[in-house]
């Protein structure tokens, strides 16, 4: 992710801690993050490294189970669609998903939930 999306301070913290995670073998920081709210198959977590240069609020939606997203079940997909039209739609302005080449955590599928600082 280009630094312009994060403040310089947050980007430096992100790079430093991600390198430490990789060296220690902790490749999924999402699994260890405390939930803001949990649903049957999903949970919303705070983004430890938010896009704070552009967003007032930046959380992430992740499946409860560790998955790359290629094998989401019908129940998970149904609940995801429902959450997009209710809880997520009520609190956030944008949902972002990185494409495969851009994913910083490819092993745990996630969506970025963004409330931008400025809406054009």
PDB file of N, CA and C in Angstrom:
ATOM      1  N   UNK A   1       0.849  -1.175   0.000  1.00  0.00           N
ATOM      2  CA  UNK A   1       0.000   0.000   0.000  1.00  0.00           C
ATOM      3  C   UNK A   1       0.888   1.229   0.000  1.00  0.00           C
ATOM      4  N   UNK A   2       0.641   2.166  -0.885  1.00  0.00           N
ATOM      5  CA  UNK A   2       1.462   3.371  -0.924  1.00  0.00           C
ATOM      6  C   UNK A   2       1.375   4.129   0.399  1.00  0.00           C
ATOM      7  N   UNK A   3       2.486   4.712   0.795  1.00  0.00           N
ATOM      8  CA  UNK A   3       2.538   5.436   2.050  1.00  0.00           C
ATOM      9  C   UNK A   3       1.535   6.577   2.086  1.00  0.00           C
ATOM     10  N   UNK A   4       1.166   7.116   0.953  1.00  0.00           N
ATOM     11  CA  UNK A   4       0.254   8.256   0.932  1.00  0.00           C
ATOM     12  C   UNK A   4      -1.099   7.933   1.573  1.00  0.00           C
ATOM     13  N   UNK A   5      -1.436   6.664   1.722  1.00  0.00           N
ATOM     14  CA  UNK A   5      -2.697   6.289   2.350  1.00  0.00           C
ATOM     15  C   UNK A   5      -2.576   6.298   3.868  1.00  0.00           C
ATOM     16  N   UNK A   6      -1.346   6.111   4.344  1.00  0.00           N
ATOM     17  CA  UNK A   6      -1.073   6.146   5.784  1.00  0.00           C
ATOM     18  C   UNK A   6      -0.195   7.348   6.075  1.00  0.00           C
ATOM     19  N   UNK A   7      -0.284   7.842   7.306  1.00  0.00           N
ATOM     20  CA  UNK A   7       0.657   8.878   7.705  1.00  0.00           C
ATOM     21  C   UNK A   7       2.039   8.244   7.768  1.00  0.00           C
ATOM     22  N   UNK A   8       3.061   9.044   7.727  1.00  0.00           N
ATOM     23  CA  UNK A   8       4.428   8.529   7.748  1.00  0.00           C
ATOM     24  C   UNK A   8       4.681   7.692   9.003  1.00  0.00           C
ATOM     25  N   UNK A   9       4.167   8.137  10.131  1.00  0.00           N
ATOM     26  CA  UNK A   9       4.345   7.418  11.392  1.00  0.00           C
ATOM     27  C   UNK A   9       3.691   6.029  11.351  1.00  0.00           C
ATOM     28  N   UNK A  10       2.459   5.968  10.861  1.00  0.00           N
ATOM     29  CA  UNK A  10       1.749   4.694  10.793  1.00  0.00           C
ATOM     30  C   UNK A  10       2.415   3.757   9.791  1.00  0.00           C
ATOM     31  N   UNK A  11       2.876   4.285   8.674  1.00  0.00           N
ATOM     32  CA  UNK A  11       3.553   3.460   7.665  1.00  0.00           C
ATOM     33  C   UNK A  11       4.838   2.862   8.219  1.00  0.00           C
ATOM     34  N   UNK A  12       5.606   3.636   8.957  1.00  0.00           N
ATOM     35  CA  UNK A  12       6.846   3.135   9.547  1.00  0.00           C
ATOM     36  C   UNK A  12       6.549   2.024  10.556  1.00  0.00           C
ATOM     37  N   UNK A  13       5.549   2.225  11.395  1.00  0.00           N
ATOM     38  CA  UNK A  13       5.139   1.208  12.361  1.00  0.00           C
ATOM     39  C   UNK A  13       4.707  -0.071  11.632  1.00  0.00           C
ATOM     40  N   UNK A  14       3.913   0.094  10.587  1.00  0.00           N
ATOM     41  CA  UNK A  14       3.448  -1.043   9.783  1.00  0.00           C
ATOM     42  C   UNK A  14       4.628  -1.837   9.234  1.00  0.00           C
ATOM     43  N   UNK A  15       5.564  -1.163   8.578  1.00  0.00           N
ATOM     44  CA  UNK A  15       6.694  -1.850   7.965  1.00  0.00           C
ATOM     45  C   UNK A  15       7.548  -2.561   9.015  1.00  0.00           C
ATOM     46  N   UNK A  16       7.806  -1.900  10.119  1.00  0.00           N
ATOM     47  CA  UNK A  16       8.638  -2.470  11.180  1.00  0.00           C
ATOM     48  C   UNK A  16       7.993  -3.702  11.795  1.00  0.00           C
ATOM     49  N   UNK A  17       6.719  -3.602  12.140  1.00  0.00           N
ATOM     50  CA  UNK A  17       6.048  -4.718  12.791  1.00  0.00           C
ATOM     51  C   UNK A  17       5.761  -5.869  11.830  1.00  0.00           C
ATOM     52  N   UNK A  18       5.469  -5.584  10.582  1.00  0.00           N
ATOM     53  CA  UNK A  18       5.248  -6.666   9.607  1.00  0.00           C
ATOM     54  C   UNK A  18       6.538  -7.455   9.393  1.00  0.00           C
ATOM     55  N   UNK A  19       7.675  -6.766   9.330  1.00  0.00           N
ATOM     56  CA  UNK A  19       8.954  -7.471   9.186  1.00  0.00           C
ATOM     57  C   UNK A  19       9.205  -8.357  10.406  1.00  0.00           C
ATOM     58  N   UNK A  20       8.899  -7.864  11.591  1.00  0.00           N
ATOM     59  CA  UNK A  20       9.073  -8.647  12.818  1.00  0.00           C
ATOM     60  C   UNK A  20       8.128  -9.845  12.823  1.00  0.00           C
ATOM     61  N   UNK A  21       6.888  -9.662  12.352  1.00  0.00           N
ATOM     62  CA  UNK A  21       5.927 -10.766  12.280  1.00  0.00           C
ATOM     63  C   UNK A  21       6.443 -11.875  11.369  1.00  0.00           C
ATOM     64  N   UNK A  22       6.955 -11.487  10.212  1.00  0.00           N
ATOM     65  CA  UNK A  22       7.444 -12.468   9.249  1.00  0.00           C
ATOM     66  C   UNK A  22       8.642 -13.227   9.836  1.00  0.00           C
ATOM     67  N   UNK A  23       9.570 -12.510  10.469  1.00  0.00           N
ATOM     68  CA  UNK A  23      10.754 -13.154  11.057  1.00  0.00           C
ATOM     69  C   UNK A  23      10.376 -14.108  12.178  1.00  0.00           C
ATOM     70  N   UNK A  24       9.362 -13.760  12.963  1.00  0.00           N
ATOM     71  CA  UNK A  24       8.974 -14.600  14.103  1.00  0.00           C
ATOM     72  C   UNK A  24       8.062 -15.749  13.692  1.00  0.00           C
ATOM     73  N   UNK A  25       7.588 -15.742  12.438  1.00  0.00           N
ATOM     74  CA  UNK A  25       6.692 -16.786  11.979  1.00  0.00           C
ATOM     75  C   UNK A  25       5.229 -16.455  12.216  1.00  0.00           C
ATOM     76  N   UNK A  26       4.941 -15.326  12.831  1.00  0.00           N
ATOM     77  CA  UNK A  26       3.552 -14.896  13.048  1.00  0.00           C
ATOM     78  C   UNK A  26       3.068 -14.218  11.775  1.00  0.00           C
ATOM     79  N   UNK A  27       2.546 -15.008  10.847  1.00  0.00           N
ATOM     80  CA  UNK A  27       2.170 -14.468   9.550  1.00  0.00           C
ATOM     81  C   UNK A  27       0.717 -14.020   9.470  1.00  0.00           C
ATOM     82  N   UNK A  28      -0.062 -14.188  10.549  1.00  0.00           N
ATOM     83  CA  UNK A  28      -1.448 -13.727  10.513  1.00  0.00           C
ATOM     84  C   UNK A  28      -1.800 -12.895  11.742  1.00  0.00           C
ATOM     85  N   UNK A  29      -1.509 -11.623  11.674  1.00  0.00           N
ATOM     86  CA  UNK A  29      -1.859 -10.757  12.799  1.00  0.00           C
ATOM     87  C   UNK A  29      -3.369 -10.565  12.948  1.00  0.00           C
ATOM     88  N   UNK A  30      -4.136 -10.874  11.907  1.00  0.00           N
ATOM     89  CA  UNK A  30      -5.584 -10.685  11.983  1.00  0.00           C
ATOM     90  C   UNK A  30      -6.228 -11.659  12.966  1.00  0.00           C
ATOM     91  N   UNK A  31      -5.733 -12.876  13.020  1.00  0.00           N
ATOM     92  CA  UNK A  31      -6.318 -13.893  13.902  1.00  0.00           C
ATOM     93  C   UNK A  31      -6.214 -13.498  15.374  1.00  0.00           C
ATOM     94  N   UNK A  32      -5.204 -12.732  15.718  1.00  0.00           N
ATOM     95  CA  UNK A  32      -4.957 -12.370  17.116  1.00  0.00           C
ATOM     96  C   UNK A  32      -5.525 -11.017  17.507  1.00  0.00           C
ATOM     97  N   UNK A  33      -6.236 -10.357  16.611  1.00  0.00           N
ATOM     98  CA  UNK A  33      -6.784  -9.042  16.901  1.00  0.00           C
ATOM     99  C   UNK A  33      -8.159  -9.166  17.545  1.00  0.00           C
ATOM    100  N   UNK A  34      -8.371  -8.417  18.612  1.00  0.00           N
ATOM    101  CA  UNK A  34      -9.646  -8.442  19.332  1.00  0.00           C
ATOM    102  C   UNK A  34     -10.758  -7.843  18.464  1.00  0.00           C
ATOM    103  N   UNK A  35     -11.912  -8.473  18.531  1.00  0.00           N
ATOM    104  CA  UNK A  35     -13.057  -8.045  17.720  1.00  0.00           C
ATOM    105  C   UNK A  35     -13.718  -6.793  18.282  1.00  0.00           C
ATOM    106  N   UNK A  36     -14.231  -5.974  17.379  1.00  0.00           N
ATOM    107  CA  UNK A  36     -15.123  -4.878  17.751  1.00  0.00           C
ATOM    108  C   UNK A  36     -16.522  -5.457  17.920  1.00  0.00           C
ATOM    109  N   UNK A  37     -16.888  -6.320  16.971  1.00  0.00           N
ATOM    110  CA  UNK A  37     -18.177  -7.008  17.001  1.00  0.00           C
ATOM    111  C   UNK A  37     -18.038  -8.324  16.232  1.00  0.00           C
ATOM    112  N   UNK A  38     -18.755  -9.342  16.690  1.00  0.00           N
ATOM    113  CA  UNK A  38     -18.731 -10.640  16.008  1.00  0.00           C
ATOM    114  C   UNK A  38     -20.127 -11.031  15.555  1.00  0.00           C
ATOM    115  N   UNK A  39     -20.166 -11.738  14.436  1.00  0.00           N
ATOM    116  CA  UNK A  39     -21.404 -12.250  13.867  1.00  0.00           C
ATOM    117  C   UNK A  39     -21.271 -13.772  13.805  1.00  0.00           C
ATOM    118  N   UNK A  40     -22.161 -14.445  13.125  1.00  0.00           N
ATOM    119  CA  UNK A  40     -22.097 -15.904  13.055  1.00  0.00           C
ATOM    120  C   UNK A  40     -20.828 -16.405  12.353  1.00  0.00           C
ATOM    121  N   UNK A  41     -20.439 -15.733  11.256  1.00  0.00           N
ATOM    122  CA  UNK A  41     -19.303 -16.197  10.459  1.00  0.00           C
ATOM    123  C   UNK A  41     -18.225 -15.136  10.262  1.00  0.00           C
ATOM    124  N   UNK A  42     -18.475 -13.928  10.704  1.00  0.00           N
ATOM    125  CA  UNK A  42     -17.587 -12.794  10.439  1.00  0.00           C
ATOM    126  C   UNK A  42     -17.358 -11.998  11.706  1.00  0.00           C
ATOM    127  N   UNK A  43     -16.332 -11.167  11.655  1.00  0.00           N
ATOM    128  CA  UNK A  43     -16.121 -10.213  12.730  1.00  0.00           C
ATOM    129  C   UNK A  43     -15.473  -8.960  12.181  1.00  0.00           C
ATOM    130  N   UNK A  44     -15.725  -7.861  12.859  1.00  0.00           N
ATOM    131  CA  UNK A  44     -15.094  -6.592  12.510  1.00  0.00           C
ATOM    132  C   UNK A  44     -13.999  -6.347  13.536  1.00  0.00           C
ATOM    133  N   UNK A  45     -12.811  -6.024  13.026  1.00  0.00           N
ATOM    134  CA  UNK A  45     -11.672  -5.731  13.889  1.00  0.00           C
ATOM    135  C   UNK A  45     -11.118  -4.355  13.541  1.00  0.00           C
ATOM    136  N   UNK A  46     -10.463  -3.701  14.491  1.00  0.00           N
ATOM    137  CA  UNK A  46      -9.810  -2.438  14.146  1.00  0.00           C
ATOM    138  C   UNK A  46      -8.577  -2.719  13.292  1.00  0.00           C
ATOM    139  N   UNK A  47      -8.264  -1.826  12.407  1.00  0.00           N
ATOM    140  CA  UNK A  47      -7.035  -1.955  11.623  1.00  0.00           C
ATOM    141  C   UNK A  47      -5.919  -1.320  12.431  1.00  0.00           C
ATOM    142  N   UNK A  48      -4.944  -2.108  12.825  1.00  0.00           N
ATOM    143  CA  UNK A  48      -3.822  -1.613  13.621  1.00  0.00           C
ATOM    144  C   UNK A  48      -2.987  -0.607  12.832  1.00  0.00           C
ATOM    145  N   UNK A  49      -3.021  -0.714  11.519  1.00  0.00           N
ATOM    146  CA  UNK A  49      -2.258   0.185  10.647  1.00  0.00           C
ATOM    147  C   UNK A  49      -3.223   0.862   9.671  1.00  0.00           C
ATOM    148  N   UNK A  50      -4.082   1.721  10.172  1.00  0.00           N
ATOM    149  CA  UNK A  50      -5.135   2.295   9.324  1.00  0.00           C
ATOM    150  C   UNK A  50      -4.586   3.208   8.235  1.00  0.00           C
ATOM    151  N   UNK A  51      -5.404   3.420   7.254  1.00  0.00           N
ATOM    152  CA  UNK A  51      -5.089   4.401   6.215  1.00  0.00           C
ATOM    153  C   UNK A  51      -5.452   5.774   6.785  1.00  0.00           C
ATOM    154  N   UNK A  52      -4.724   6.160   7.817  1.00  0.00           N
ATOM    155  CA  UNK A  52      -5.056   7.342   8.602  1.00  0.00           C
ATOM    156  C   UNK A  52      -4.791   8.663   7.889  1.00  0.00           C
ATOM    157  N   UNK A  53      -4.131   8.623   6.766  1.00  0.00           N
ATOM    158  CA  UNK A  53      -3.953   9.850   5.987  1.00  0.00           C
ATOM    159  C   UNK A  53      -5.238  10.198   5.241  1.00  0.00           C
ATOM    160  N   UNK A  54      -6.082   9.196   4.993  1.00  0.00           N
ATOM    161  CA  UNK A  54      -7.299   9.437   4.205  1.00  0.00           C
ATOM    162  C   UNK A  54      -8.587   9.062   4.930  1.00  0.00           C
ATOM    163  N   UNK A  55      -8.481   8.325   6.058  1.00  0.00           N
ATOM    164  CA  UNK A  55      -9.691   7.800   6.691  1.00  0.00           C
ATOM    165  C   UNK A  55      -9.852   8.270   8.135  1.00  0.00           C
ATOM    166  N   UNK A  56     -11.092   8.639   8.477  1.00  0.00           N
ATOM    167  CA  UNK A  56     -11.431   8.917   9.875  1.00  0.00           C
ATOM    168  C   UNK A  56     -11.531   7.611  10.637  1.00  0.00           C
ATOM    169  N   UNK A  57     -12.082   6.602   9.973  1.00  0.00           N
ATOM    170  CA  UNK A  57     -12.278   5.283  10.561  1.00  0.00           C
ATOM    171  C   UNK A  57     -11.843   4.244   9.546  1.00  0.00           C
ATOM    172  N   UNK A  58     -11.093   3.231  10.019  1.00  0.00           N
ATOM    173  CA  UNK A  58     -10.636   2.173   9.125  1.00  0.00           C
ATOM    174  C   UNK A  58     -10.578   0.871   9.914  1.00  0.00           C
ATOM    175  N   UNK A  59     -11.579   0.048   9.720  1.00  0.00           N
ATOM    176  CA  UNK A  59     -11.642  -1.255  10.352  1.00  0.00           C
ATOM    177  C   UNK A  59     -11.563  -2.308   9.257  1.00  0.00           C
ATOM    178  N   UNK A  60     -11.607  -3.583   9.665  1.00  0.00           N
ATOM    179  CA  UNK A  60     -11.582  -4.660   8.678  1.00  0.00           C
ATOM    180  C   UNK A  60     -12.635  -5.702   9.032  1.00  0.00           C
ATOM    181  N   UNK A  61     -13.205  -6.282   8.005  1.00  0.00           N
ATOM    182  CA  UNK A  61     -14.134  -7.393   8.158  1.00  0.00           C
ATOM    183  C   UNK A  61     -13.378  -8.648   7.773  1.00  0.00           C
ATOM    184  N   UNK A  62     -13.363  -9.628   8.687  1.00  0.00           N
ATOM    185  CA  UNK A  62     -12.652 -10.881   8.420  1.00  0.00           C
ATOM    186  C   UNK A  62     -13.540 -12.063   8.777  1.00  0.00           C
ATOM    187  N   UNK A  63     -13.358 -13.195   8.101  1.00  0.00           N
ATOM    188  CA  UNK A  63     -14.093 -14.387   8.497  1.00  0.00           C
ATOM    189  C   UNK A  63     -13.584 -14.868   9.858  1.00  0.00           C
ATOM    190  N   UNK A  64     -14.442 -15.509  10.618  1.00  0.00           N
ATOM    191  CA  UNK A  64     -14.035 -16.039  11.917  1.00  0.00           C
ATOM    192  C   UNK A  64     -12.943 -17.098  11.760  1.00  0.00           C
ATOM    193  N   UNK A  65     -13.025 -17.854  10.687  1.00  0.00           N
ATOM    194  CA  UNK A  65     -11.999 -18.883  10.477  1.00  0.00           C
ATOM    195  C   UNK A  65     -10.909 -18.337   9.562  1.00  0.00           C
ATOM    196  N   UNK A  66      -9.723 -18.845   9.728  1.00  0.00           N
ATOM    197  CA  UNK A  66      -8.582 -18.424   8.916  1.00  0.00           C
ATOM    198  C   UNK A  66      -8.715 -19.052   7.533  1.00  0.00           C
ATOM    199  N   UNK A  67      -8.957 -18.212   6.536  1.00  0.00           N
ATOM    200  CA  UNK A  67      -9.105 -18.685   5.163  1.00  0.00           C
ATOM    201  C   UNK A  67      -8.645 -17.601   4.198  1.00  0.00           C
ATOM    202  N   UNK A  68      -8.145 -18.030   3.058  1.00  0.00           N
ATOM    203  CA  UNK A  68      -7.727 -17.074   2.020  1.00  0.00           C
ATOM    204  C   UNK A  68      -8.923 -16.501   1.270  1.00  0.00           C
ATOM    205  N   UNK A  69     -10.101 -17.074   1.510  1.00  0.00           N
ATOM    206  CA  UNK A  69     -11.310 -16.588   0.857  1.00  0.00           C
ATOM    207  C   UNK A  69     -11.726 -17.395  -0.349  1.00  0.00           C
ATOM    208  N   UNK A  70     -10.853 -18.244  -0.839  1.00  0.00           N
ATOM    209  CA  UNK A  70     -11.176 -19.057  -2.008  1.00  0.00           C
ATOM    210  C   UNK A  70     -12.212 -20.133  -1.700  1.00  0.00           C
ATOM    211  N   UNK A  71     -12.392 -20.423  -0.418  1.00  0.00           N
ATOM    212  CA  UNK A  71     -13.303 -21.496  -0.033  1.00  0.00           C
ATOM    213  C   UNK A  71     -14.398 -21.021   0.927  1.00  0.00           C
ATOM    214  N   UNK A  72     -14.816 -19.765   0.769  1.00  0.00           N
ATOM    215  CA  UNK A  72     -15.901 -19.269   1.617  1.00  0.00           C
ATOM    216  C   UNK A  72     -17.146 -20.118   1.386  1.00  0.00           C
ATOM    217  N   UNK A  73     -17.821 -20.460   2.472  1.00  0.00           N
ATOM    218  CA  UNK A  73     -19.012 -21.300   2.370  1.00  0.00           C
ATOM    219  C   UNK A  73     -20.216 -20.464   1.935  1.00  0.00           C
ATOM    220  N   UNK A  74     -21.260 -21.137   1.553  1.00  0.00           N
ATOM    221  CA  UNK A  74     -22.505 -20.450   1.173  1.00  0.00           C
ATOM    222  C   UNK A  74     -23.037 -19.628   2.347  1.00  0.00           C
ATOM    223  N   UNK A  75     -22.960 -20.172   3.553  1.00  0.00           N
ATOM    224  CA  UNK A  75     -23.415 -19.442   4.747  1.00  0.00           C
ATOM    225  C   UNK A  75     -22.571 -18.193   4.989  1.00  0.00           C
ATOM    226  N   UNK A  76     -21.264 -18.306   4.797  1.00  0.00           N
ATOM    227  CA  UNK A  76     -20.387 -17.140   4.969  1.00  0.00           C
ATOM    228  C   UNK A  76     -20.700 -16.071   3.925  1.00  0.00           C
ATOM    229  N   UNK A  77     -20.912 -16.486   2.688  1.00  0.00           N
ATOM    230  CA  UNK A  77     -21.215 -15.526   1.623  1.00  0.00           C
ATOM    231  C   UNK A  77     -22.573 -14.867   1.830  1.00  0.00           C
ATOM    232  N   UNK A  78     -23.533 -15.622   2.297  1.00  0.00           N
ATOM    233  CA  UNK A  78     -24.863 -15.063   2.569  1.00  0.00           C
ATOM    234  C   UNK A  78     -24.788 -14.023   3.673  1.00  0.00           C
ATOM    235  N   UNK A  79     -24.080 -14.359   4.747  1.00  0.00           N
ATOM    236  CA  UNK A  79     -23.955 -13.395   5.846  1.00  0.00           C
ATOM    237  C   UNK A  79     -23.155 -12.169   5.409  1.00  0.00           C
ATOM    238  N   UNK A  80     -22.108 -12.364   4.616  1.00  0.00           N
ATOM    239  CA  UNK A  80     -21.324 -11.244   4.103  1.00  0.00           C
ATOM    240  C   UNK A  80     -22.211 -10.278   3.335  1.00  0.00           C
ATOM    241  N   UNK A  81     -23.027 -10.801   2.451  1.00  0.00           N
ATOM    242  CA  UNK A  81     -23.931  -9.955   1.665  1.00  0.00           C
ATOM    243  C   UNK A  81     -24.901  -9.201   2.583  1.00  0.00           C
ATOM    244  N   UNK A  82     -25.412  -9.873   3.580  1.00  0.00           N
ATOM    245  CA  UNK A  82     -26.322  -9.237   4.528  1.00  0.00           C
ATOM    246  C   UNK A  82     -25.619  -8.123   5.305  1.00  0.00           C
ATOM    247  N   UNK A  83     -24.414  -8.382   5.762  1.00  0.00           N
ATOM    248  CA  UNK A  83     -23.661  -7.372   6.521  1.00  0.00           C
ATOM    249  C   UNK A  83     -23.355  -6.142   5.678  1.00  0.00           C
ATOM    250  N   UNK A  84     -23.061  -6.354   4.399  1.00  0.00           N
ATOM    251  CA  UNK A  84     -22.790  -5.220   3.507  1.00  0.00           C
ATOM    252  C   UNK A  84     -24.002  -4.306   3.390  1.00  0.00           C
ATOM    253  N   UNK A  85     -25.193  -4.868   3.476  1.00  0.00           N
ATOM    254  CA  UNK A  85     -26.415  -4.076   3.312  1.00  0.00           C
ATOM    255  C   UNK A  85     -26.986  -3.556   4.625  1.00  0.00           C
ATOM    256  N   UNK A  86     -26.393  -3.939   5.733  1.00  0.00           N
ATOM    257  CA  UNK A  86     -26.912  -3.500   7.039  1.00  0.00           C
ATOM    258  C   UNK A  86     -25.812  -2.820   7.843  1.00  0.00           C
ATOM    259  N   UNK A  87     -25.143  -3.570   8.674  1.00  0.00           N
ATOM    260  CA  UNK A  87     -24.149  -3.031   9.614  1.00  0.00           C
ATOM    261  C   UNK A  87     -23.074  -2.213   8.914  1.00  0.00           C
ATOM    262  N   UNK A  88     -22.486  -2.759   7.872  1.00  0.00           N
ATOM    263  CA  UNK A  88     -21.405  -2.060   7.171  1.00  0.00           C
ATOM    264  C   UNK A  88     -21.935  -0.810   6.481  1.00  0.00           C
ATOM    265  N   UNK A  89     -23.054  -0.919   5.823  1.00  0.00           N
ATOM    266  CA  UNK A  89     -23.649   0.218   5.122  1.00  0.00           C
ATOM    267  C   UNK A  89     -24.018   1.348   6.081  1.00  0.00           C
ATOM    268  N   UNK A  90     -24.387   0.998   7.302  1.00  0.00           N
ATOM    269  CA  UNK A  90     -24.780   2.010   8.287  1.00  0.00           C
ATOM    270  C   UNK A  90     -23.593   2.764   8.875  1.00  0.00           C
ATOM    271  N   UNK A  91     -22.409   2.144   8.916  1.00  0.00           N
ATOM    272  CA  UNK A  91     -21.271   2.744   9.622  1.00  0.00           C
ATOM    273  C   UNK A  91     -20.158   3.256   8.715  1.00  0.00           C
ATOM    274  N   UNK A  92     -19.998   2.684   7.533  1.00  0.00           N
ATOM    275  CA  UNK A  92     -18.860   3.009   6.669  1.00  0.00           C
ATOM    276  C   UNK A  92     -19.344   3.526   5.321  1.00  0.00           C
ATOM    277  N   UNK A  93     -18.461   4.233   4.631  1.00  0.00           N
ATOM    278  CA  UNK A  93     -18.805   4.762   3.315  1.00  0.00           C
ATOM    279  C   UNK A  93     -18.287   3.871   2.183  1.00  0.00           C
ATOM    280  N   UNK A  94     -17.155   3.187   2.426  1.00  0.00           N
ATOM    281  CA  UNK A  94     -16.540   2.385   1.373  1.00  0.00           C
ATOM    282  C   UNK A  94     -16.077   1.036   1.918  1.00  0.00           C
ATOM    283  N   UNK A  95     -16.141   0.037   1.049  1.00  0.00           N
ATOM    284  CA  UNK A  95     -15.576  -1.274   1.310  1.00  0.00           C
ATOM    285  C   UNK A  95     -14.508  -1.475   0.246  1.00  0.00           C
ATOM    286  N   UNK A  96     -13.284  -1.804   0.677  1.00  0.00           N
ATOM    287  CA  UNK A  96     -12.185  -2.025  -0.264  1.00  0.00           C
ATOM    288  C   UNK A  96     -11.651  -3.441  -0.109  1.00  0.00           C
ATOM    289  N   UNK A  97     -11.359  -4.054  -1.231  1.00  0.00           N
ATOM    290  CA  UNK A  97     -10.703  -5.360  -1.221  1.00  0.00           C
ATOM    291  C   UNK A  97      -9.477  -5.270  -2.111  1.00  0.00           C
ATOM    292  N   UNK A  98      -8.341  -5.646  -1.574  1.00  0.00           N
ATOM    293  CA  UNK A  98      -7.125  -5.667  -2.374  1.00  0.00           C
ATOM    294  C   UNK A  98      -7.173  -6.846  -3.334  1.00  0.00           C
ATOM    295  N   UNK A  99      -6.651  -6.645  -4.501  1.00  0.00           N
ATOM    296  CA  UNK A  99      -6.536  -7.738  -5.463  1.00  0.00           C
ATOM    297  C   UNK A  99      -5.373  -8.639  -5.040  1.00  0.00           C
ATOM    298  N   UNK A 100      -5.350  -9.876  -5.521  1.00  0.00           N
ATOM    299  CA  UNK A 100      -4.373 -10.850  -5.025  1.00  0.00           C
ATOM    300  C   UNK A 100      -2.919 -10.382  -4.958  1.00  0.00           C
ATOM    301  N   UNK A 101      -2.427  -9.688  -5.969  1.00  0.00           N
ATOM    302  CA  UNK A 101      -1.027  -9.247  -5.966  1.00  0.00           C
ATOM    303  C   UNK A 101      -0.746  -8.194  -4.904  1.00  0.00           C
ATOM    304  N   UNK A 102      -1.775  -7.497  -4.430  1.00  0.00           N
ATOM    305  CA  UNK A 102      -1.594  -6.389  -3.497  1.00  0.00           C
ATOM    306  C   UNK A 102      -1.846  -6.761  -2.039  1.00  0.00           C
ATOM    307  N   UNK A 103      -2.308  -7.959  -1.792  1.00  0.00           N
ATOM    308  CA  UNK A 103      -2.679  -8.344  -0.429  1.00  0.00           C
ATOM    309  C   UNK A 103      -1.448  -8.455   0.467  1.00  0.00           C
ATOM    310  N   UNK A 104      -1.462  -7.698   1.565  1.00  0.00           N
ATOM    311  CA  UNK A 104      -0.349  -7.770   2.507  1.00  0.00           C
ATOM    312  C   UNK A 104      -0.483  -8.983   3.415  1.00  0.00           C
ATOM    313  N   UNK A 105      -1.703  -9.506   3.571  1.00  0.00           N
ATOM    314  CA  UNK A 105      -1.945 -10.709   4.367  1.00  0.00           C
ATOM    315  C   UNK A 105      -2.784 -11.657   3.501  1.00  0.00           C
ATOM    316  N   UNK A 106      -2.159 -12.332   2.556  1.00  0.00           N
ATOM    317  CA  UNK A 106      -2.923 -13.147   1.609  1.00  0.00           C
ATOM    318  C   UNK A 106      -3.587 -14.370   2.221  1.00  0.00           C
ATOM    319  N   UNK A 107      -3.115 -14.841   3.365  1.00  0.00           N
ATOM    320  CA  UNK A 107      -3.659 -16.051   3.950  1.00  0.00           C
ATOM    321  C   UNK A 107      -4.957 -15.875   4.711  1.00  0.00           C
ATOM    322  N   UNK A 108      -5.314 -14.632   5.042  1.00  0.00           N
ATOM    323  CA  UNK A 108      -6.559 -14.393   5.776  1.00  0.00           C
ATOM    324  C   UNK A 108      -7.344 -13.305   5.037  1.00  0.00           C
ATOM    325  N   UNK A 109      -8.386 -13.732   4.353  1.00  0.00           N
ATOM    326  CA  UNK A 109      -9.203 -12.838   3.543  1.00  0.00           C
ATOM    327  C   UNK A 109      -9.791 -11.728   4.410  1.00  0.00           C
ATOM    328  N   UNK A 110      -9.812 -10.530   3.870  1.00  0.00           N
ATOM    329  CA  UNK A 110     -10.367  -9.404   4.626  1.00  0.00           C
ATOM    330  C   UNK A 110     -10.808  -8.291   3.694  1.00  0.00           C
ATOM    331  N   UNK A 111     -11.756  -7.536   4.179  1.00  0.00           N
ATOM    332  CA  UNK A 111     -12.213  -6.327   3.502  1.00  0.00           C
ATOM    333  C   UNK A 111     -11.861  -5.134   4.381  1.00  0.00           C
ATOM    334  N   UNK A 112     -11.477  -4.047   3.745  1.00  0.00           N
ATOM    335  CA  UNK A 112     -11.216  -2.808   4.469  1.00  0.00           C
ATOM    336  C   UNK A 112     -12.508  -2.004   4.523  1.00  0.00           C
ATOM    337  N   UNK A 113     -12.869  -1.574   5.711  1.00  0.00           N
ATOM    338  CA  UNK A 113     -14.077  -0.776   5.921  1.00  0.00           C
ATOM    339  C   UNK A 113     -13.634   0.653   6.219  1.00  0.00           C
ATOM    340  N   UNK A 114     -13.994   1.564   5.347  1.00  0.00           N
ATOM    341  CA  UNK A 114     -13.438   2.921   5.386  1.00  0.00           C
ATOM    342  C   UNK A 114     -14.534   3.982   5.541  1.00  0.00           C
ATOM    343  N   UNK A 115     -14.265   4.927   6.429  1.00  0.00           N
ATOM    344  CA  UNK A 115     -15.032   6.159   6.492  1.00  0.00           C
ATOM    345  C   UNK A 115     -14.011   7.266   6.222  1.00  0.00           C
ATOM    346  N   UNK A 116     -14.011   7.830   5.013  1.00  0.00           N
ATOM    347  CA  UNK A 116     -12.959   8.773   4.622  1.00  0.00           C
ATOM    348  C   UNK A 116     -13.047  10.101   5.360  1.00  0.00           C
ATOM    349  N   UNK A 117     -11.910  10.783   5.383  1.00  0.00           N
ATOM    350  CA  UNK A 117     -11.853  12.114   5.988  1.00  0.00           C
ATOM    351  C   UNK A 117     -12.623  13.122   5.145  1.00  0.00           C
ATOM    352  N   UNK A 118     -12.544  12.971   3.828  1.00  0.00           N
ATOM    353  CA  UNK A 118     -13.235  13.887   2.915  1.00  0.00           C
ATOM    354  C   UNK A 118     -13.986  13.042   1.882  1.00  0.00           C
ATOM    355  N   UNK A 119     -15.211  13.366   1.662  1.00  0.00           N
ATOM    356  CA  UNK A 119     -15.992  12.702   0.616  1.00  0.00           C
ATOM    357  C   UNK A 119     -16.239  13.730  -0.469  1.00  0.00           C
ATOM    358  N   UNK A 120     -15.821  13.392  -1.716  1.00  0.00           N
ATOM    359  CA  UNK A 120     -15.914  14.335  -2.815  1.00  0.00           C
ATOM    360  C   UNK A 120     -17.225  14.458  -3.437  1.00  0.00           C
TER     361      UNK A 120
END
